C-alpha cells in the first residue's frame, strides 16, 4: 500500500501478469480510453515492451502519479519472479 503524505490518498499497488492472448480475449473492445489517456492495443497501435528503457521513459517522461511509478519500479526489480510464472 502506498499513502500520499500530503493528501493521505491511499493506493493499493499490484502487478498482474496475464498471457497476451487471454488478455485480448477478455478485455478487447471494453474501453478505448478515459480521462487518463488512450488504451494502447495491438494491431494498428503498437504496445510497449517491459524493458528498462520503456520503464525509464514512463517514469521520467510521462505523466504518472508517484504510486504508479513505485509499482512499476518494484515490478522491474522483481521481474525475474513475475515473468517466471
PDB file of N, CA and C in Angstrom:
ATOM      1  N   UNK A   1       0.836  -1.166   0.000  1.00  0.00           N
ATOM      2  CA  UNK A   1       0.000   0.000   0.000  1.00  0.00           C
ATOM      3  C   UNK A   1       0.886   1.236   0.000  1.00  0.00           C
ATOM      4  N   UNK A   2       0.449   2.229  -0.739  1.00  0.00           N
ATOM      5  CA  UNK A   2       1.166   3.489  -0.753  1.00  0.00           C
ATOM      6  C   UNK A   2       0.248   4.602  -0.282  1.00  0.00           C
ATOM      7  N   UNK A   3       0.747   5.478   0.544  1.00  0.00           N
ATOM      8  CA  UNK A   3      -0.043   6.591   1.068  1.00  0.00           C
ATOM      9  C   UNK A   3       0.646   7.893   0.689  1.00  0.00           C
ATOM     10  N   UNK A   4      -0.098   8.787   0.031  1.00  0.00           N
ATOM     11  CA  UNK A   4       0.424  10.101  -0.306  1.00  0.00           C
ATOM     12  C   UNK A   4       0.501  10.908   0.981  1.00  0.00           C
ATOM     13  N   UNK A   5       1.686  11.403   1.371  1.00  0.00           N
ATOM     14  CA  UNK A   5       1.828  12.090   2.651  1.00  0.00           C
ATOM     15  C   UNK A   5       1.121  13.440   2.712  1.00  0.00           C
ATOM     16  N   UNK A   6       0.810  14.025   1.554  1.00  0.00           N
ATOM     17  CA  UNK A   6       0.137  15.331   1.569  1.00  0.00           C
ATOM     18  C   UNK A   6      -1.377  15.212   1.599  1.00  0.00           C
ATOM     19  N   UNK A   7      -1.915  14.291   0.817  1.00  0.00           N
ATOM     20  CA  UNK A   7      -3.375  14.183   0.722  1.00  0.00           C
ATOM     21  C   UNK A   7      -3.934  13.001   1.516  1.00  0.00           C
ATOM     22  N   UNK A   8      -3.060  12.115   1.970  1.00  0.00           N
ATOM     23  CA  UNK A   8      -3.441  10.875   2.641  1.00  0.00           C
ATOM     24  C   UNK A   8      -4.229   9.928   1.735  1.00  0.00           C
ATOM     25  N   UNK A   9      -4.190  10.187   0.413  1.00  0.00           N
ATOM     26  CA  UNK A   9      -4.794   9.248  -0.536  1.00  0.00           C
ATOM     27  C   UNK A   9      -4.006   7.945  -0.461  1.00  0.00           C
ATOM     28  N   UNK A  10      -4.727   6.836  -0.394  1.00  0.00           N
ATOM     29  CA  UNK A  10      -4.089   5.530  -0.251  1.00  0.00           C
ATOM     30  C   UNK A  10      -4.324   4.710  -1.505  1.00  0.00           C
ATOM     31  N   UNK A  11      -3.260   4.106  -2.022  1.00  0.00           N
ATOM     32  CA  UNK A  11      -3.335   3.267  -3.207  1.00  0.00           C
ATOM     33  C   UNK A  11      -2.858   1.867  -2.850  1.00  0.00           C
ATOM     34  N   UNK A  12      -3.539   0.873  -3.393  1.00  0.00           N
ATOM     35  CA  UNK A  12      -3.070  -0.496  -3.282  1.00  0.00           C
ATOM     36  C   UNK A  12      -2.331  -0.784  -4.578  1.00  0.00           C
ATOM     37  N   UNK A  13      -1.043  -1.079  -4.478  1.00  0.00           N
ATOM     38  CA  UNK A  13      -0.193  -1.261  -5.640  1.00  0.00           C
ATOM     39  C   UNK A  13      -0.058  -2.746  -5.947  1.00  0.00           C
ATOM     40  N   UNK A  14      -0.469  -3.148  -7.149  1.00  0.00           N
ATOM     41  CA  UNK A  14      -0.386  -4.553  -7.536  1.00  0.00           C
ATOM     42  C   UNK A  14       0.146  -4.673  -8.960  1.00  0.00           C
ATOM     43  N   UNK A  15       0.699  -5.819  -9.249  1.00  0.00           N
ATOM     44  CA  UNK A  15       1.113  -6.161 -10.601  1.00  0.00           C
ATOM     45  C   UNK A  15       0.422  -7.457 -10.960  1.00  0.00           C
ATOM     46  N   UNK A  16      -0.165  -7.499 -12.142  1.00  0.00           N
ATOM     47  CA  UNK A  16      -0.834  -8.695 -12.619  1.00  0.00           C
ATOM     48  C   UNK A  16      -0.224  -9.098 -13.953  1.00  0.00           C
ATOM     49  N   UNK A  17       0.112 -10.357 -14.093  1.00  0.00           N
ATOM     50  CA  UNK A  17       0.658 -10.868 -15.350  1.00  0.00           C
ATOM     51  C   UNK A  17      -0.411 -11.741 -15.992  1.00  0.00           C
ATOM     52  N   UNK A  18      -0.798 -11.369 -17.229  1.00  0.00           N
ATOM     53  CA  UNK A  18      -1.821 -12.110 -17.959  1.00  0.00           C
ATOM     54  C   UNK A  18      -1.271 -12.410 -19.350  1.00  0.00           C
ATOM     55  N   UNK A  19      -1.403 -13.646 -19.809  1.00  0.00           N
ATOM     56  CA  UNK A  19      -0.993 -14.009 -21.150  1.00  0.00           C
ATOM     57  C   UNK A  19      -1.686 -13.086 -22.157  1.00  0.00           C
ATOM     58  N   UNK A  20      -0.952 -12.622 -23.164  1.00  0.00           N
ATOM     59  CA  UNK A  20      -1.471 -11.636 -24.120  1.00  0.00           C
ATOM     60  C   UNK A  20      -2.749 -12.108 -24.810  1.00  0.00           C
ATOM     61  N   UNK A  21      -2.797 -13.363 -25.222  1.00  0.00           N
ATOM     62  CA  UNK A  21      -3.994 -13.865 -25.906  1.00  0.00           C
ATOM     63  C   UNK A  21      -5.198 -13.892 -24.982  1.00  0.00           C
ATOM     64  N   UNK A  22      -4.996 -14.287 -23.752  1.00  0.00           N
ATOM     65  CA  UNK A  22      -6.081 -14.313 -22.769  1.00  0.00           C
ATOM     66  C   UNK A  22      -6.553 -12.886 -22.483  1.00  0.00           C
ATOM     67  N   UNK A  23      -5.610 -11.964 -22.311  1.00  0.00           N
ATOM     68  CA  UNK A  23      -5.956 -10.571 -22.051  1.00  0.00           C
ATOM     69  C   UNK A  23      -6.808 -10.011 -23.192  1.00  0.00           C
ATOM     70  N   UNK A  24      -6.377 -10.233 -24.435  1.00  0.00           N
ATOM     71  CA  UNK A  24      -7.121  -9.725 -25.588  1.00  0.00           C
ATOM     72  C   UNK A  24      -8.520 -10.310 -25.660  1.00  0.00           C
ATOM     73  N   UNK A  25      -8.649 -11.589 -25.356  1.00  0.00           N
ATOM     74  CA  UNK A  25      -9.954 -12.237 -25.405  1.00  0.00           C
ATOM     75  C   UNK A  25     -10.910 -11.641 -24.364  1.00  0.00           C
ATOM     76  N   UNK A  26     -10.400 -11.355 -23.187  1.00  0.00           N
ATOM     77  CA  UNK A  26     -11.249 -10.853 -22.101  1.00  0.00           C
ATOM     78  C   UNK A  26     -11.555  -9.366 -22.254  1.00  0.00           C
ATOM     79  N   UNK A  27     -10.532  -8.566 -22.576  1.00  0.00           N
ATOM     80  CA  UNK A  27     -10.674  -7.115 -22.478  1.00  0.00           C
ATOM     81  C   UNK A  27     -10.779  -6.371 -23.806  1.00  0.00           C
ATOM     82  N   UNK A  28     -10.603  -7.046 -24.938  1.00  0.00           N
ATOM     83  CA  UNK A  28     -10.631  -6.365 -26.227  1.00  0.00           C
ATOM     84  C   UNK A  28     -11.951  -5.630 -26.425  1.00  0.00           C
ATOM     85  N   UNK A  29     -11.863  -4.362 -26.761  1.00  0.00           N
ATOM     86  CA  UNK A  29     -13.040  -3.564 -27.044  1.00  0.00           C
ATOM     87  C   UNK A  29     -13.792  -3.069 -25.826  1.00  0.00           C
ATOM     88  N   UNK A  30     -13.305  -3.356 -24.639  1.00  0.00           N
ATOM     89  CA  UNK A  30     -14.010  -2.941 -23.427  1.00  0.00           C
ATOM     90  C   UNK A  30     -14.072  -1.414 -23.317  1.00  0.00           C
ATOM     91  N   UNK A  31     -12.935  -0.755 -23.496  1.00  0.00           N
ATOM     92  CA  UNK A  31     -12.872   0.705 -23.500  1.00  0.00           C
ATOM     93  C   UNK A  31     -11.802   1.135 -24.491  1.00  0.00           C
ATOM     94  N   UNK A  32     -11.912   2.375 -24.975  1.00  0.00           N
ATOM     95  CA  UNK A  32     -10.860   2.888 -25.853  1.00  0.00           C
ATOM     96  C   UNK A  32     -10.029   3.957 -25.149  1.00  0.00           C
ATOM     97  N   UNK A  33     -10.539   4.457 -24.048  1.00  0.00           N
ATOM     98  CA  UNK A  33      -9.804   5.454 -23.288  1.00  0.00           C
ATOM     99  C   UNK A  33     -10.673   6.049 -22.197  1.00  0.00           C
ATOM    100  N   UNK A  34     -10.043   6.925 -21.415  1.00  0.00           N
ATOM    101  CA  UNK A  34     -10.761   7.652 -20.377  1.00  0.00           C
ATOM    102  C   UNK A  34     -10.030   8.970 -20.138  1.00  0.00           C
ATOM    103  N   UNK A  35     -10.323   9.662 -19.066  1.00  0.00           N
ATOM    104  CA  UNK A  35      -9.704  10.966 -18.817  1.00  0.00           C
ATOM    105  C   UNK A  35      -8.195  10.873 -18.625  1.00  0.00           C
ATOM    106  N   UNK A  36      -7.685   9.669 -18.302  1.00  0.00           N
ATOM    107  CA  UNK A  36      -6.250   9.496 -18.092  1.00  0.00           C
ATOM    108  C   UNK A  36      -5.490   9.237 -19.380  1.00  0.00           C
ATOM    109  N   UNK A  37      -6.182   8.836 -20.444  1.00  0.00           N
ATOM    110  CA  UNK A  37      -5.475   8.597 -21.700  1.00  0.00           C
ATOM    111  C   UNK A  37      -6.178   7.588 -22.583  1.00  0.00           C
ATOM    112  N   UNK A  38      -5.445   7.113 -23.582  1.00  0.00           N
ATOM    113  CA  UNK A  38      -5.952   6.178 -24.571  1.00  0.00           C
ATOM    114  C   UNK A  38      -5.371   4.795 -24.303  1.00  0.00           C
ATOM    115  N   UNK A  39      -6.188   3.776 -24.458  1.00  0.00           N
ATOM    116  CA  UNK A  39      -5.735   2.406 -24.275  1.00  0.00           C
ATOM    117  C   UNK A  39      -4.859   2.032 -25.464  1.00  0.00           C
ATOM    118  N   UNK A  40      -3.676   1.483 -25.211  1.00  0.00           N
ATOM    119  CA  UNK A  40      -2.767   1.055 -26.263  1.00  0.00           C
ATOM    120  C   UNK A  40      -3.079  -0.392 -26.588  1.00  0.00           C
ATOM    121  N   UNK A  41      -3.319  -0.675 -27.862  1.00  0.00           N
ATOM    122  CA  UNK A  41      -3.684  -2.023 -28.290  1.00  0.00           C
ATOM    123  C   UNK A  41      -2.693  -2.516 -29.342  1.00  0.00           C
ATOM    124  N   UNK A  42      -2.768  -3.800 -29.603  1.00  0.00           N
ATOM    125  CA  UNK A  42      -2.011  -4.371 -30.716  1.00  0.00           C
ATOM    126  C   UNK A  42      -2.671  -3.987 -32.021  1.00  0.00           C
ATOM    127  N   UNK A  43      -2.256  -4.580 -33.109  1.00  0.00           N
ATOM    128  CA  UNK A  43      -2.840  -4.257 -34.401  1.00  0.00           C
ATOM    129  C   UNK A  43      -2.292  -2.949 -34.926  1.00  0.00           C
ATOM    130  N   UNK A  44      -3.175  -1.995 -35.198  1.00  0.00           N
ATOM    131  CA  UNK A  44      -2.734  -0.723 -35.780  1.00  0.00           C
ATOM    132  C   UNK A  44      -1.959   0.135 -34.782  1.00  0.00           C
ATOM    133  N   UNK A  45      -2.237  -0.006 -33.510  1.00  0.00           N
ATOM    134  CA  UNK A  45      -1.471   0.716 -32.481  1.00  0.00           C
ATOM    135  C   UNK A  45      -0.401  -0.228 -31.950  1.00  0.00           C
ATOM    136  N   UNK A  46       0.728   0.318 -31.615  1.00  0.00           N
ATOM    137  CA  UNK A  46       1.817  -0.527 -31.118  1.00  0.00           C
ATOM    138  C   UNK A  46       1.891  -0.419 -29.600  1.00  0.00           C
ATOM    139  N   UNK A  47       1.963  -1.543 -28.940  1.00  0.00           N
ATOM    140  CA  UNK A  47       2.108  -1.567 -27.490  1.00  0.00           C
ATOM    141  C   UNK A  47       3.530  -1.224 -27.103  1.00  0.00           C
ATOM    142  N   UNK A  48       3.908  -1.531 -25.891  1.00  0.00           N
ATOM    143  CA  UNK A  48       5.274  -1.267 -25.466  1.00  0.00           C
ATOM    144  C   UNK A  48       5.801  -2.442 -24.659  1.00  0.00           C
ATOM    145  N   UNK A  49       7.111  -2.574 -24.666  1.00  0.00           N
ATOM    146  CA  UNK A  49       7.769  -3.692 -24.001  1.00  0.00           C
ATOM    147  C   UNK A  49       8.025  -3.387 -22.534  1.00  0.00           C
ATOM    148  N   UNK A  50       8.122  -4.433 -21.764  1.00  0.00           N
ATOM    149  CA  UNK A  50       8.503  -4.305 -20.350  1.00  0.00           C
ATOM    150  C   UNK A  50      10.015  -4.416 -20.300  1.00  0.00           C
ATOM    151  N   UNK A  51      10.685  -3.310 -20.633  1.00  0.00           N
ATOM    152  CA  UNK A  51      12.145  -3.277 -20.619  1.00  0.00           C
ATOM    153  C   UNK A  51      12.608  -2.001 -19.924  1.00  0.00           C
ATOM    154  N   UNK A  52      13.912  -1.923 -19.670  1.00  0.00           N
ATOM    155  CA  UNK A  52      14.445  -0.824 -18.867  1.00  0.00           C
ATOM    156  C   UNK A  52      14.242   0.543 -19.519  1.00  0.00           C
ATOM    157  N   UNK A  53      14.415   0.649 -20.830  1.00  0.00           N
ATOM    158  CA  UNK A  53      14.260   1.954 -21.483  1.00  0.00           C
ATOM    159  C   UNK A  53      12.805   2.421 -21.458  1.00  0.00           C
ATOM    160  N   UNK A  54      11.866   1.491 -21.661  1.00  0.00           N
ATOM    161  CA  UNK A  54      10.444   1.849 -21.600  1.00  0.00           C
ATOM    162  C   UNK A  54      10.062   2.253 -20.185  1.00  0.00           C
ATOM    163  N   UNK A  55      10.524   1.489 -19.211  1.00  0.00           N
ATOM    164  CA  UNK A  55      10.229   1.797 -17.817  1.00  0.00           C
ATOM    165  C   UNK A  55      10.744   3.194 -17.459  1.00  0.00           C
ATOM    166  N   UNK A  56      11.971   3.495 -17.853  1.00  0.00           N
ATOM    167  CA  UNK A  56      12.544   4.813 -17.559  1.00  0.00           C
ATOM    168  C   UNK A  56      11.733   5.919 -18.232  1.00  0.00           C
ATOM    169  N   UNK A  57      11.334   5.703 -19.500  1.00  0.00           N
ATOM    170  CA  UNK A  57      10.534   6.712 -20.206  1.00  0.00           C
ATOM    171  C   UNK A  57       9.202   6.947 -19.496  1.00  0.00           C
ATOM    172  N   UNK A  58       8.526   5.866 -19.106  1.00  0.00           N
ATOM    173  CA  UNK A  58       7.227   6.008 -18.447  1.00  0.00           C
ATOM    174  C   UNK A  58       7.347   6.752 -17.122  1.00  0.00           C
ATOM    175  N   UNK A  59       8.375   6.427 -16.352  1.00  0.00           N
ATOM    176  CA  UNK A  59       8.533   7.034 -15.029  1.00  0.00           C
ATOM    177  C   UNK A  59       9.064   8.468 -15.121  1.00  0.00           C
ATOM    178  N   UNK A  60      10.007   8.704 -16.014  1.00  0.00           N
ATOM    179  CA  UNK A  60      10.677  10.013 -16.059  1.00  0.00           C
ATOM    180  C   UNK A  60      10.010  11.019 -16.988  1.00  0.00           C
ATOM    181  N   UNK A  61       9.440  10.558 -18.101  1.00  0.00           N
ATOM    182  CA  UNK A  61       8.986  11.489 -19.130  1.00  0.00           C
ATOM    183  C   UNK A  61       7.479  11.568 -19.319  1.00  0.00           C
ATOM    184  N   UNK A  62       6.736  10.618 -18.807  1.00  0.00           N
ATOM    185  CA  UNK A  62       5.289  10.588 -18.986  1.00  0.00           C
ATOM    186  C   UNK A  62       4.594  11.043 -17.700  1.00  0.00           C
ATOM    187  N   UNK A  63       3.387  11.609 -17.817  1.00  0.00           N
ATOM    188  CA  UNK A  63       2.670  11.996 -16.596  1.00  0.00           C
ATOM    189  C   UNK A  63       2.214  10.753 -15.832  1.00  0.00           C
ATOM    190  N   UNK A  64       2.746  10.579 -14.645  1.00  0.00           N
ATOM    191  CA  UNK A  64       2.416   9.414 -13.836  1.00  0.00           C
ATOM    192  C   UNK A  64       2.469   9.788 -12.362  1.00  0.00           C
ATOM    193  N   UNK A  65       1.489   9.300 -11.607  1.00  0.00           N
ATOM    194  CA  UNK A  65       1.490   9.538 -10.170  1.00  0.00           C
ATOM    195  C   UNK A  65       2.603   8.735  -9.516  1.00  0.00           C
ATOM    196  N   UNK A  66       3.033   9.177  -8.356  1.00  0.00           N
ATOM    197  CA  UNK A  66       4.123   8.527  -7.640  1.00  0.00           C
ATOM    198  C   UNK A  66       3.812   7.062  -7.334  1.00  0.00           C
ATOM    199  N   UNK A  67       2.565   6.751  -7.018  1.00  0.00           N
ATOM    200  CA  UNK A  67       2.200   5.366  -6.697  1.00  0.00           C
ATOM    201  C   UNK A  67       2.395   4.463  -7.913  1.00  0.00           C
ATOM    202  N   UNK A  68       2.021   4.930  -9.094  1.00  0.00           N
ATOM    203  CA  UNK A  68       2.213   4.145 -10.314  1.00  0.00           C
ATOM    204  C   UNK A  68       3.682   3.948 -10.618  1.00  0.00           C
ATOM    205  N   UNK A  69       4.471   5.004 -10.448  1.00  0.00           N
ATOM    206  CA  UNK A  69       5.918   4.903 -10.665  1.00  0.00           C
ATOM    207  C   UNK A  69       6.535   3.913  -9.684  1.00  0.00           C
ATOM    208  N   UNK A  70       6.070   3.922  -8.451  1.00  0.00           N
ATOM    209  CA  UNK A  70       6.586   2.985  -7.449  1.00  0.00           C
ATOM    210  C   UNK A  70       6.225   1.552  -7.822  1.00  0.00           C
ATOM    211  N   UNK A  71       5.002   1.325  -8.282  1.00  0.00           N
ATOM    212  CA  UNK A  71       4.582  -0.024  -8.663  1.00  0.00           C
ATOM    213  C   UNK A  71       5.410  -0.527  -9.839  1.00  0.00           C
ATOM    214  N   UNK A  72       5.644   0.324 -10.829  1.00  0.00           N
ATOM    215  CA  UNK A  72       6.466  -0.084 -11.969  1.00  0.00           C
ATOM    216  C   UNK A  72       7.907  -0.368 -11.556  1.00  0.00           C
ATOM    217  N   UNK A  73       8.445   0.470 -10.698  1.00  0.00           N
ATOM    218  CA  UNK A  73       9.821   0.273 -10.230  1.00  0.00           C
ATOM    219  C   UNK A  73       9.959  -1.047  -9.476  1.00  0.00           C
ATOM    220  N   UNK A  74       9.021  -1.335  -8.590  1.00  0.00           N
ATOM    221  CA  UNK A  74       9.063  -2.598  -7.846  1.00  0.00           C
ATOM    222  C   UNK A  74       8.849  -3.795  -8.764  1.00  0.00           C
ATOM    223  N   UNK A  75       7.964  -3.651  -9.752  1.00  0.00           N
ATOM    224  CA  UNK A  75       7.755  -4.739 -10.714  1.00  0.00           C
ATOM    225  C   UNK A  75       9.039  -5.007 -11.488  1.00  0.00           C
ATOM    226  N   UNK A  76       9.754  -3.948 -11.870  1.00  0.00           N
ATOM    227  CA  UNK A  76      11.017  -4.124 -12.596  1.00  0.00           C
ATOM    228  C   UNK A  76      12.043  -4.825 -11.708  1.00  0.00           C
ATOM    229  N   UNK A  77      12.108  -4.446 -10.450  1.00  0.00           N
ATOM    230  CA  UNK A  77      13.067  -5.068  -9.538  1.00  0.00           C
ATOM    231  C   UNK A  77      12.758  -6.552  -9.319  1.00  0.00           C
ATOM    232  N   UNK A  78      11.490  -6.927  -9.420  1.00  0.00           N
ATOM    233  CA  UNK A  78      11.069  -8.312  -9.186  1.00  0.00           C
ATOM    234  C   UNK A  78      10.737  -9.039 -10.489  1.00  0.00           C
ATOM    235  N   UNK A  79      11.178  -8.514 -11.630  1.00  0.00           N
ATOM    236  CA  UNK A  79      10.772  -9.037 -12.935  1.00  0.00           C
ATOM    237  C   UNK A  79      11.095 -10.516 -13.148  1.00  0.00           C
ATOM    238  N   UNK A  80      12.195 -10.994 -12.609  1.00  0.00           N
ATOM    239  CA  UNK A  80      12.527 -12.408 -12.827  1.00  0.00           C
ATOM    240  C   UNK A  80      11.490 -13.319 -12.176  1.00  0.00           C
ATOM    241  N   UNK A  81      10.989 -12.933 -11.022  1.00  0.00           N
ATOM    242  CA  UNK A  81       9.950 -13.731 -10.357  1.00  0.00           C
ATOM    243  C   UNK A  81       8.603 -13.555 -11.049  1.00  0.00           C
ATOM    244  N   UNK A  82       8.287 -12.314 -11.440  1.00  0.00           N
ATOM    245  CA  UNK A  82       6.999 -12.029 -12.083  1.00  0.00           C
ATOM    246  C   UNK A  82       6.877 -12.753 -13.406  1.00  0.00           C
ATOM    247  N   UNK A  83       7.912 -12.717 -14.219  1.00  0.00           N
ATOM    248  CA  UNK A  83       7.850 -13.281 -15.556  1.00  0.00           C
ATOM    249  C   UNK A  83       8.116 -14.780 -15.612  1.00  0.00           C
ATOM    250  N   UNK A  84       8.500 -15.379 -14.500  1.00  0.00           N
ATOM    251  CA  UNK A  84       8.756 -16.813 -14.487  1.00  0.00           C
ATOM    252  C   UNK A  84       7.498 -17.628 -14.252  1.00  0.00           C
ATOM    253  N   UNK A  85       6.405 -16.980 -13.994  1.00  0.00           N
ATOM    254  CA  UNK A  85       5.139 -17.665 -13.693  1.00  0.00           C
ATOM    255  C   UNK A  85       4.573 -18.294 -14.940  1.00  0.00           C
TER     256      UNK A  85
END
